[in-house]
Amino acid sequence: MWKKVSLLFCLAIFLITSGFGCRLQSREVKEAMQPITLNYWRAWDEPDDFQELLGKYKALHPNITINYRKLRYEEYEDEIINALAEDRGPDIFSIESTWLPKYQNKIAPMPGTISMVYPIEKGSIKKEIVYEIRTTPSLSLKNLRAQFVDVVANDVVINNQIYGLPLSVDTLAMFYRRDLFNNKGIVNPPAYWDKTFQETVKKLTERDIQGKIIQAGAAIGGGSNVERSADILAALMLQSQAPIIKNGQVVFNRQIGDRYPGLEALRFYSDFANINKEVYCWDKSFDNSLDMFIRGQAAIMFGYSYHLPLIVAGRRSDFNGDDATQYLKDLNIGVSSLPQIAGAAQPVNIANYWVETVSKKSQHVNEAWDFVQFITKAENVTSYLNKTKRPTALRSLIEQQLSEEYIDVFASQLLTARSWYKGYNPQAAQDIMAEMIDSVVDSPGQIEAIASLGASKLKQTLSP
């Protein structure tokens, strides 16, 4: 017995005097403090929009450098796919939330815990910074649902794992030209898709002596030349309680009870481009709806908050300052909530947003996901939101944004926003919906057959 105790005692003295325990901890921290570079690719926002975020993260983790790269949207997806295939891709990249099913096999889901080195100030008289390794739990599914608006959890969780987190979430709203409303004595934009909306559009539509439309009451009714036409139609369908996709099946053209609400929504929408209807205000020969709205040739258009800087850019020759909000006021541009179905139990809005995610091929998945979680926290993301003028993705910041002009409307719709597509080819889905709209405009009497064909084409995009 005494021999055993003596042996343990001698071993303990050896470890203490040799500094073995100290060297073990120091080696672990030293290895964790090795310089790391994370490449971060996005299609939107300038490096300056992330400057404060990157600075705060660097102060917390001085061994980690974030290389931020912005690519042109037109080339972004091709470059991402090619780079990942050739093992030269980024560690962190941003994708549209609807792209997640398509990219799932390229993404490393968020790990359950993350170990990182943190600086700690120690000493009561002589203070010094030392570093220690901490292992902390990642964002849980419960906290994801508690902190972010509902649409986020519905989109980013696949097989009970988190595949991305957003910096912001946008919602579809109604833009209108106050000057054109004032000229017609219209006090407020319509709140519902009802006779008031139709009468407002008719009143705002102007024709020349030959009957040709020279001012569209609203940019609605068309497919290929209307910004986000698929989203507008999807909103009408969902508000009419006609799901577009349910249980992996395309069902918008099916009968519900004694009605076909999806077809009714399609007909209501396309009537605005039907020359034989009283509400005719849009034509397939027109330019893109955003261009028409910027020029004052369309009184109403539907879009997201990201359209606001595009409107300013479209009139850049008239704008020499930095205050885009003031310029929108000078242009008499107003933003109103997306119209709803009168008498509906609850509003339905459409979400549009990107998520930050981590490549499965990254050599630093742990650090990359730590960065993504860091930049999407309420105390950090505010600087980005203030710079970019984007609506938040976090519940806790909604109330604050309700007092911010030109952001308030988009923020007010976040809690009722939904995504309508969860297939593998989002761009094809948008094109199919727009093509279906244009076909109905050309052949309104064939709406059932056209909708059936559109549903069949859309179904093909639900499989990889």
Protein backbone atom coordinates (compact mmCIF):
# COMPACT_ATOMS: atom_id res chain seq x y z
CA MET A 1 0.00 0.00 0.00
CA TRP A 2 2.74 2.41 1.05
CA LYS A 3 4.71 1.57 -2.07
CA LYS A 4 1.69 2.46 -4.23
CA VAL A 5 1.15 5.81 -2.47
CA SER A 6 4.84 6.65 -2.69
CA LEU A 7 4.83 5.89 -6.40
CA LEU A 8 1.83 8.17 -7.04
CA PHE A 9 3.39 10.93 -4.92
CA CYS A 10 6.64 10.76 -6.83
CA LEU A 11 4.77 10.85 -10.14
CA ALA A 12 2.81 13.95 -9.08
CA ILE A 13 6.02 15.74 -7.97
CA PHE A 14 7.60 14.88 -11.32
CA LEU A 15 4.66 16.29 -13.30
CA ILE A 16 4.58 19.52 -11.28
CA THR A 17 8.31 20.18 -11.28
CA SER A 18 8.71 19.27 -14.93
CA GLY A 19 5.96 21.65 -15.99
CA PHE A 20 4.35 18.85 -18.02
CA GLY A 21 0.76 19.95 -17.30
CA CYS A 22 1.52 23.56 -18.15
CA ARG A 23 3.25 22.67 -21.37
CA LEU A 24 0.30 20.46 -22.40
CA GLN A 25 -2.19 23.30 -22.03
CA SER A 26 0.13 25.80 -23.70
CA ARG A 27 0.70 23.50 -26.65
CA GLU A 28 -3.05 23.01 -27.11
CA VAL A 29 -3.74 26.74 -27.07
CA LYS A 30 -0.74 27.43 -29.27
CA GLU A 31 -1.96 25.00 -31.88
CA ALA A 32 -5.46 26.49 -31.75
CA MET A 33 -3.95 29.97 -32.23
CA GLN A 34 -2.31 29.11 -35.54
CA PRO A 35 -3.21 31.69 -38.27
CA ILE A 36 -6.33 30.78 -40.24
CA THR A 37 -7.75 32.45 -43.34
CA LEU A 38 -11.42 32.02 -44.18
CA ASN A 39 -12.59 32.95 -47.69
CA TYR A 40 -16.07 34.45 -47.72
CA TRP A 41 -17.98 34.92 -51.01
CA ARG A 42 -21.18 36.86 -51.56
CA ALA A 43 -23.14 38.27 -54.51
CA TRP A 44 -24.39 41.38 -52.72
CA ASP A 45 -23.04 44.15 -50.45
CA GLU A 46 -19.71 45.91 -50.49
CA PRO A 47 -16.73 45.16 -48.20
CA ASP A 48 -17.44 48.40 -46.36
CA ASP A 49 -20.82 47.02 -45.27
CA PHE A 50 -18.95 44.30 -43.36
CA GLN A 51 -16.04 46.36 -42.07
CA GLU A 52 -17.34 46.75 -38.52
CA LEU A 53 -18.43 43.11 -38.29
CA LEU A 54 -15.05 41.85 -39.49
CA GLY A 55 -13.24 44.17 -37.11
CA LYS A 56 -15.21 42.93 -34.10
CA TYR A 57 -14.59 39.32 -35.03
CA LYS A 58 -10.87 39.94 -35.55
CA ALA A 59 -10.62 41.50 -32.08
CA LEU A 60 -12.19 38.38 -30.59
CA HIS A 61 -10.16 35.93 -32.70
CA PRO A 62 -6.94 37.71 -33.80
CA ASN A 63 -5.56 34.57 -35.45
CA ILE A 64 -8.45 34.43 -37.96
CA THR A 65 -8.48 36.53 -41.13
CA ILE A 66 -11.63 36.81 -43.24
CA ASN A 67 -11.09 37.44 -46.95
CA TYR A 68 -14.33 38.97 -48.21
CA ARG A 69 -15.05 38.76 -51.93
CA LYS A 70 -18.04 40.12 -53.79
CA LEU A 71 -18.88 38.60 -57.17
CA ARG A 72 -21.30 39.79 -59.83
CA TYR A 73 -24.72 38.20 -59.37
CA GLU A 74 -24.82 37.15 -63.04
CA GLU A 75 -21.70 35.00 -62.61
CA TYR A 76 -22.06 34.11 -58.94
CA GLU A 77 -23.74 30.70 -58.99
CA ASP A 78 -21.62 29.34 -61.84
CA GLU A 79 -18.45 30.49 -60.07
CA ILE A 80 -19.54 28.93 -56.77
CA ILE A 81 -20.37 25.57 -58.36
CA ASN A 82 -17.16 25.46 -60.41
CA ALA A 83 -14.95 26.58 -57.53
CA LEU A 84 -16.38 24.01 -55.13
CA ALA A 85 -15.99 21.26 -57.73
CA GLU A 86 -12.35 22.24 -58.29
CA ASP A 87 -11.52 22.50 -54.56
CA ARG A 88 -10.78 26.22 -54.79
CA GLY A 89 -14.08 27.38 -53.37
CA PRO A 90 -14.77 29.57 -50.35
CA ASP A 91 -15.11 28.43 -46.77
CA ILE A 92 -18.23 30.53 -46.31
CA PHE A 93 -20.64 31.53 -49.04
CA SER A 94 -24.06 33.10 -49.38
CA ILE A 95 -26.97 31.54 -51.29
CA GLU A 96 -30.64 32.25 -51.73
CA SER A 97 -32.68 30.41 -49.14
CA THR A 98 -34.51 28.56 -51.93
CA TRP A 99 -31.18 27.16 -53.17
CA LEU A 100 -30.62 25.12 -49.99
CA PRO A 101 -32.08 21.81 -51.26
CA LYS A 102 -29.94 22.12 -54.40
CA TYR A 103 -26.76 22.82 -52.41
CA GLN A 104 -27.38 20.51 -49.45
CA ASN A 105 -24.69 18.00 -50.45
CA LYS A 106 -22.14 20.82 -50.74
CA ILE A 107 -22.81 22.27 -47.28
CA ALA A 108 -21.44 21.27 -43.89
CA PRO A 109 -24.36 21.54 -41.43
CA MET A 110 -23.80 23.49 -38.23
CA PRO A 111 -21.93 21.36 -35.66
CA GLY A 112 -23.50 20.78 -32.25
CA THR A 113 -20.58 22.43 -30.41
CA ILE A 114 -17.72 24.68 -31.42
CA SER A 115 -14.29 25.00 -29.74
CA MET A 116 -12.53 28.35 -30.15
CA VAL A 117 -9.71 30.29 -28.50
CA TYR A 118 -10.78 33.46 -26.65
CA PRO A 119 -8.68 36.26 -25.10
CA ILE A 120 -9.15 36.58 -21.33
CA GLU A 121 -7.90 39.45 -19.16
CA LYS A 122 -6.31 38.20 -15.95
CA GLY A 123 -4.52 39.73 -12.99
CA SER A 124 -5.69 42.20 -10.36
CA ILE A 125 -2.60 44.44 -10.26
CA LYS A 126 -0.72 43.66 -13.42
CA LYS A 127 -3.34 42.81 -16.02
CA GLU A 128 -2.44 40.65 -18.96
CA ILE A 129 -4.27 38.98 -21.81
CA VAL A 130 -4.14 35.22 -21.86
CA TYR A 131 -5.94 32.85 -24.18
CA GLU A 132 -8.09 29.88 -23.35
CA ILE A 133 -10.05 27.32 -25.34
CA ARG A 134 -13.79 27.28 -24.82
CA THR A 135 -16.26 24.75 -26.16
CA THR A 136 -19.73 26.20 -26.49
CA PRO A 137 -22.99 24.80 -27.84
CA SER A 138 -24.08 26.05 -31.25
CA LEU A 139 -27.46 27.58 -31.91
CA SER A 140 -30.12 24.98 -31.07
CA LEU A 141 -33.27 24.36 -33.11
CA LYS A 142 -35.28 25.70 -30.18
CA ASN A 143 -33.29 28.94 -30.08
CA LEU A 144 -33.35 29.22 -33.87
CA ARG A 145 -37.14 29.29 -33.76
CA ALA A 146 -37.16 31.65 -30.77
CA GLN A 147 -34.70 34.16 -32.20
CA PHE A 148 -35.41 34.21 -35.95
CA VAL A 149 -38.69 34.80 -37.77
CA ASP A 150 -40.64 31.65 -38.58
CA VAL A 151 -39.75 31.43 -42.26
CA VAL A 152 -36.07 30.93 -41.40
CA ALA A 153 -36.52 27.71 -39.42
CA ASN A 154 -38.95 26.45 -42.06
CA ASP A 155 -36.28 26.91 -44.74
CA VAL A 156 -32.84 26.30 -43.21
CA VAL A 157 -33.54 23.18 -41.14
CA ILE A 158 -33.12 19.93 -43.08
CA ASN A 159 -33.26 16.60 -41.24
CA ASN A 160 -33.08 18.46 -37.92
CA GLN A 161 -29.83 20.17 -38.84
CA ILE A 162 -29.19 23.86 -39.57
CA TYR A 163 -27.70 24.52 -43.01
CA GLY A 164 -27.56 28.32 -43.04
CA LEU A 165 -28.36 31.53 -41.17
CA PRO A 166 -29.53 34.84 -42.66
CA LEU A 167 -28.28 38.35 -42.00
CA SER A 168 -31.66 39.74 -43.06
CA VAL A 169 -35.04 38.68 -44.47
CA ASP A 170 -36.88 40.71 -47.09
CA THR A 171 -40.63 40.75 -47.80
CA LEU A 172 -42.69 41.60 -50.88
CA ALA A 173 -44.39 44.99 -50.65
CA MET A 174 -46.21 47.53 -52.82
CA PHE A 175 -44.32 50.55 -54.18
CA TYR A 176 -46.30 53.54 -55.43
CA ARG A 177 -45.74 56.96 -56.94
CA ARG A 178 -47.28 59.49 -54.59
CA ASP A 179 -47.23 62.18 -57.28
CA LEU A 180 -49.40 60.05 -59.58
CA PHE A 181 -51.71 59.17 -56.70
CA ASN A 182 -52.00 62.86 -55.82
CA ASN A 183 -52.83 63.78 -59.41
CA LYS A 184 -55.81 61.39 -59.30
CA GLY A 185 -56.94 62.40 -55.81
CA ILE A 186 -56.12 58.98 -54.33
CA VAL A 187 -55.34 59.41 -50.65
CA ASN A 188 -54.09 55.95 -49.69
CA PRO A 189 -52.81 52.89 -51.52
CA PRO A 190 -55.27 49.97 -51.50
CA ALA A 191 -54.91 47.46 -48.67
CA TYR A 192 -56.85 44.58 -50.27
CA TRP A 193 -57.10 42.77 -53.61
CA ASP A 194 -60.71 43.90 -54.03
CA LYS A 195 -62.79 46.37 -56.00
CA THR A 196 -60.90 49.24 -54.38
CA PHE A 197 -57.64 47.91 -55.80
CA GLN A 198 -59.20 47.41 -59.22
CA GLU A 199 -60.77 50.88 -59.22
CA THR A 200 -57.47 52.42 -58.10
CA VAL A 201 -55.63 50.72 -60.96
CA LYS A 202 -58.28 51.82 -63.48
CA LYS A 203 -58.10 55.41 -62.25
CA LEU A 204 -54.30 55.49 -62.47
CA THR A 205 -54.16 53.97 -65.97
CA GLU A 206 -53.90 56.56 -68.75
CA ARG A 207 -54.26 56.08 -72.52
CA ASP A 208 -53.51 58.22 -75.54
CA ILE A 209 -56.12 59.13 -78.18
CA GLN A 210 -55.50 55.80 -79.93
CA GLY A 211 -56.27 53.95 -76.71
CA LYS A 212 -52.68 52.86 -76.11
CA ILE A 213 -51.62 52.73 -72.46
CA ILE A 214 -49.10 55.46 -71.69
CA GLN A 215 -49.26 55.11 -67.90
CA ALA A 216 -49.85 51.74 -66.30
CA GLY A 217 -52.01 51.84 -63.21
CA ALA A 218 -49.98 48.95 -61.82
CA ALA A 219 -47.19 46.66 -62.98
CA ILE A 220 -49.26 43.52 -62.63
CA GLY A 221 -50.74 40.93 -64.97
CA GLY A 222 -47.66 40.05 -66.99
CA GLY A 223 -45.06 37.36 -66.48
CA SER A 224 -41.67 37.89 -68.08
CA ASN A 225 -41.71 41.71 -67.95
CA VAL A 226 -42.98 42.07 -64.37
CA GLU A 227 -40.45 42.04 -61.56
CA ARG A 228 -41.01 39.05 -59.26
CA SER A 229 -44.21 38.07 -61.08
CA ALA A 230 -43.98 34.51 -59.72
CA ASP A 231 -43.83 35.84 -56.16
CA ILE A 232 -46.83 38.12 -56.69
CA LEU A 233 -48.86 35.24 -58.09
CA ALA A 234 -47.64 32.95 -55.29
CA ALA A 235 -48.80 35.51 -52.74
CA LEU A 236 -52.26 35.63 -54.30
CA MET A 237 -52.49 31.83 -54.30
CA LEU A 238 -51.32 31.42 -50.72
CA GLN A 239 -53.59 34.22 -49.53
CA SER A 240 -56.46 32.39 -51.28
CA GLN A 241 -55.52 29.28 -49.26
CA ALA A 242 -54.28 27.49 -52.35
CA PRO A 243 -50.93 25.89 -51.47
CA ILE A 244 -48.54 25.71 -54.39
CA ILE A 245 -46.56 22.69 -53.20
CA LYS A 246 -47.77 20.31 -50.50
CA ASN A 247 -46.20 17.05 -49.33
CA GLY A 248 -43.86 17.04 -52.29
CA GLN A 249 -46.67 17.52 -54.83
CA VAL A 250 -47.64 20.55 -56.93
CA VAL A 251 -51.26 21.25 -56.01
CA PHE A 252 -52.05 24.88 -56.87
CA ASN A 253 -54.33 23.85 -59.76
CA ARG A 254 -56.40 21.38 -57.73
CA GLN A 255 -59.95 21.74 -56.48
CA ILE A 256 -60.49 22.67 -52.82
CA GLY A 257 -64.08 22.19 -51.75
CA ASP A 258 -66.22 23.49 -54.56
CA ARG A 259 -63.61 25.97 -55.81
CA TYR A 260 -60.33 26.17 -57.63
CA PRO A 261 -58.72 29.00 -55.62
CA GLY A 262 -55.34 28.67 -57.34
CA LEU A 263 -56.91 29.15 -60.77
CA GLU A 264 -59.00 32.02 -59.45
CA ALA A 265 -55.82 33.72 -58.24
CA LEU A 266 -54.15 33.13 -61.62
CA ARG A 267 -57.14 34.57 -63.46
CA PHE A 268 -57.36 37.60 -61.14
CA TYR A 269 -53.67 38.32 -61.70
CA SER A 270 -53.65 37.83 -65.49
CA ASP A 271 -56.79 39.92 -66.03
CA PHE A 272 -54.72 43.08 -65.56
CA ALA A 273 -52.91 42.21 -68.81
CA ASN A 274 -56.06 41.08 -70.64
CA ILE A 275 -57.06 43.72 -73.19
CA ASN A 276 -60.69 42.61 -72.98
CA LYS A 277 -60.98 43.32 -69.24
CA GLU A 278 -61.91 46.64 -67.61
CA VAL A 279 -58.84 46.40 -65.36
CA TYR A 280 -56.46 46.10 -68.34
CA CYS A 281 -53.41 48.16 -67.41
CA TRP A 282 -50.39 46.14 -68.50
CA ASP A 283 -49.13 44.81 -71.83
CA LYS A 284 -46.52 42.22 -72.79
CA SER A 285 -44.91 44.82 -75.08
CA PHE A 286 -43.98 47.01 -72.11
CA ASP A 287 -40.48 47.31 -70.72
CA ASN A 288 -39.54 45.73 -67.41
CA SER A 289 -41.81 46.90 -64.59
CA LEU A 290 -38.93 48.38 -62.56
CA ASP A 291 -37.84 50.54 -65.49
CA MET A 292 -41.44 51.64 -66.09
CA PHE A 293 -41.86 52.55 -62.43
CA ILE A 294 -38.60 54.50 -62.29
CA ARG A 295 -39.67 56.53 -65.34
CA GLY A 296 -43.07 57.26 -63.83
CA GLN A 297 -44.86 55.17 -66.47
CA ALA A 298 -46.24 52.78 -63.85
CA ALA A 299 -47.97 54.06 -60.73
CA ILE A 300 -47.62 50.84 -58.71
CA MET A 301 -45.08 48.05 -58.70
CA PHE A 302 -44.38 45.17 -56.34
CA GLY A 303 -40.91 44.48 -55.01
CA TYR A 304 -38.56 44.03 -52.10
CA SER A 305 -36.43 46.44 -50.10
CA TYR A 306 -33.50 45.67 -52.39
CA HIS A 307 -35.41 47.45 -55.16
CA LEU A 308 -35.09 50.78 -53.32
CA PRO A 309 -31.38 51.32 -54.13
CA LEU A 310 -32.10 50.16 -57.67
CA ILE A 311 -34.68 52.92 -57.99
CA VAL A 312 -32.16 55.45 -56.71
CA ALA A 313 -29.51 54.09 -59.09
CA GLY A 314 -31.97 54.30 -61.96
CA ARG A 315 -32.31 58.03 -61.35
CA ARG A 316 -28.67 58.57 -60.41
CA SER A 317 -28.27 61.44 -62.87
CA ASP A 318 -30.77 63.40 -60.76
CA PHE A 319 -29.14 62.45 -57.47
CA ASN A 320 -25.80 63.74 -56.26
CA GLY A 321 -26.05 63.15 -52.52
CA ASP A 322 -25.58 60.22 -50.18
CA ASP A 323 -28.97 60.25 -48.47
CA ALA A 324 -30.96 57.77 -50.56
CA THR A 325 -33.93 57.98 -48.16
CA GLN A 326 -34.23 61.71 -48.76
CA TYR A 327 -34.00 61.15 -52.49
CA LEU A 328 -36.85 58.63 -52.38
CA LYS A 329 -38.90 61.26 -50.56
CA ASP A 330 -38.04 63.82 -53.22
CA LEU A 331 -39.18 61.36 -55.88
CA ASN A 332 -42.44 60.91 -53.95
CA ILE A 333 -41.92 57.15 -53.72
CA GLY A 334 -44.08 55.42 -51.13
CA VAL A 335 -44.04 51.86 -49.82
CA SER A 336 -47.14 50.10 -48.55
CA SER A 337 -47.91 46.63 -47.26
CA LEU A 338 -48.65 43.89 -49.76
CA PRO A 339 -52.43 43.80 -50.33
CA GLN A 340 -54.28 40.93 -48.70
CA ILE A 341 -57.53 39.06 -49.27
CA ALA A 342 -60.30 40.97 -47.48
CA GLY A 343 -61.76 39.04 -44.57
CA ALA A 344 -58.90 36.51 -44.38
CA ALA A 345 -58.18 35.11 -40.94
CA GLN A 346 -54.53 36.15 -41.10
CA PRO A 347 -52.21 37.92 -43.55
CA VAL A 348 -49.83 35.99 -45.78
CA ASN A 349 -46.64 37.59 -47.05
CA ILE A 350 -43.77 36.38 -49.22
CA ALA A 351 -40.15 36.19 -48.02
CA ASN A 352 -37.02 36.62 -50.10
CA TYR A 353 -33.59 36.28 -48.51
CA TRP A 354 -30.09 34.82 -48.62
CA VAL A 355 -28.36 32.66 -46.03
CA GLU A 356 -24.70 32.39 -45.04
CA THR A 357 -23.47 28.83 -45.08
CA VAL A 358 -20.29 26.76 -44.87
CA SER A 359 -18.70 24.58 -47.52
CA LYS A 360 -18.37 20.88 -46.77
CA LYS A 361 -14.89 21.10 -48.31
CA SER A 362 -13.67 23.80 -45.93
CA GLN A 363 -10.64 22.85 -43.84
CA HIS A 364 -12.00 25.06 -41.05
CA VAL A 365 -15.69 24.17 -40.70
CA ASN A 366 -15.55 24.82 -36.95
CA GLU A 367 -14.22 28.37 -37.31
CA ALA A 368 -16.40 29.13 -40.34
CA TRP A 369 -19.60 28.26 -38.50
CA ASP A 370 -18.42 30.26 -35.50
CA PHE A 371 -18.09 33.28 -37.77
CA VAL A 372 -21.55 32.76 -39.31
CA GLN A 373 -23.14 32.51 -35.88
CA PHE A 374 -21.22 35.60 -34.72
CA ILE A 375 -22.31 37.90 -37.57
CA THR A 376 -25.98 36.88 -37.34
CA LYS A 377 -26.35 37.67 -33.62
CA ALA A 378 -28.47 40.69 -32.70
CA GLU A 379 -25.62 42.56 -31.00
CA ASN A 380 -23.42 42.23 -34.10
CA VAL A 381 -25.68 42.24 -37.15
CA THR A 382 -27.10 45.71 -36.40
CA SER A 383 -24.12 47.46 -37.99
CA TYR A 384 -24.72 45.54 -41.22
CA LEU A 385 -28.45 46.28 -41.21
CA ASN A 386 -27.82 50.00 -40.63
CA LYS A 387 -25.31 50.11 -43.48
CA THR A 388 -27.39 48.21 -46.00
CA LYS A 389 -30.86 49.39 -44.93
CA ARG A 390 -32.17 45.82 -44.91
CA PRO A 391 -35.01 44.37 -42.82
CA THR A 392 -33.89 42.13 -39.98
CA ALA A 393 -34.19 38.36 -39.70
CA LEU A 394 -34.38 38.53 -35.89
CA ARG A 395 -37.54 38.92 -33.86
CA SER A 396 -35.82 41.11 -31.29
CA LEU A 397 -34.97 43.82 -33.86
CA ILE A 398 -38.34 44.08 -35.59
CA GLU A 399 -39.82 46.67 -33.24
CA GLN A 400 -36.76 48.89 -33.63
CA GLN A 401 -37.10 48.80 -37.42
CA LEU A 402 -40.79 49.71 -37.33
CA SER A 403 -39.67 53.32 -36.73
CA GLU A 404 -37.27 53.36 -39.70
CA GLU A 405 -38.79 54.93 -42.79
CA TYR A 406 -38.70 52.78 -45.94
CA ILE A 407 -37.76 49.71 -43.88
CA ASP A 408 -40.77 49.70 -41.55
CA VAL A 409 -43.20 48.16 -44.05
CA PHE A 410 -40.91 45.25 -44.92
CA ALA A 411 -40.18 44.63 -41.23
CA SER A 412 -43.87 44.75 -40.33
CA GLN A 413 -44.56 41.76 -42.61
CA LEU A 414 -41.78 39.49 -41.33
CA LEU A 415 -43.81 37.51 -38.83
CA THR A 416 -46.28 36.40 -41.52
CA ALA A 417 -43.76 35.87 -44.34
CA ARG A 418 -43.45 32.50 -46.06
CA SER A 419 -41.43 30.89 -48.84
CA TRP A 420 -43.41 29.17 -51.57
CA TYR A 421 -40.80 26.95 -53.25
CA LYS A 422 -38.65 24.12 -51.86
CA GLY A 423 -37.47 22.33 -54.98
CA TYR A 424 -34.08 21.90 -56.63
CA ASN A 425 -34.27 24.51 -59.40
CA PRO A 426 -35.58 27.85 -58.10
CA GLN A 427 -34.81 29.79 -61.28
CA ALA A 428 -36.67 27.26 -63.40
CA ALA A 429 -39.62 27.50 -61.00
CA GLN A 430 -39.72 31.29 -61.39
CA ASP A 431 -39.54 30.96 -65.17
CA ILE A 432 -42.29 28.32 -65.26
CA MET A 433 -44.66 30.54 -63.27
CA ALA A 434 -43.90 33.57 -65.47
CA GLU A 435 -44.37 31.51 -68.64
CA MET A 436 -47.70 30.20 -67.31
CA ILE A 437 -48.88 33.77 -66.67
CA ASP A 438 -47.96 34.92 -70.17
CA SER A 439 -49.71 31.89 -71.68
CA VAL A 440 -52.92 32.68 -69.81
CA VAL A 441 -52.73 36.30 -70.99
CA ASP A 442 -52.47 35.04 -74.60
CA SER A 443 -55.15 32.36 -74.19
CA PRO A 444 -57.38 33.11 -71.18
CA GLY A 445 -59.92 30.49 -72.26
CA GLN A 446 -57.30 27.76 -71.81
CA ILE A 447 -56.45 28.58 -68.20
CA GLU A 448 -57.16 25.06 -66.87
CA ALA A 449 -54.95 23.36 -69.45
CA ILE A 450 -52.20 25.98 -69.07
CA ALA A 451 -52.22 25.65 -65.28
CA SER A 452 -52.10 21.87 -65.55
CA LEU A 453 -49.08 22.08 -67.87
CA GLY A 454 -47.41 24.59 -65.53
CA ALA A 455 -47.99 22.29 -62.55
CA SER A 456 -46.49 19.38 -64.46
CA LYS A 457 -43.38 21.39 -65.34
CA LEU A 458 -43.03 22.66 -61.78
CA LYS A 459 -43.25 19.10 -60.45
CA GLN A 460 -40.19 18.15 -62.49
CA THR A 461 -38.11 20.67 -60.53
CA LEU A 462 -38.92 19.05 -57.18
CA SER A 463 -36.48 16.18 -57.77
CA PRO A 464 -32.68 16.49 -58.00
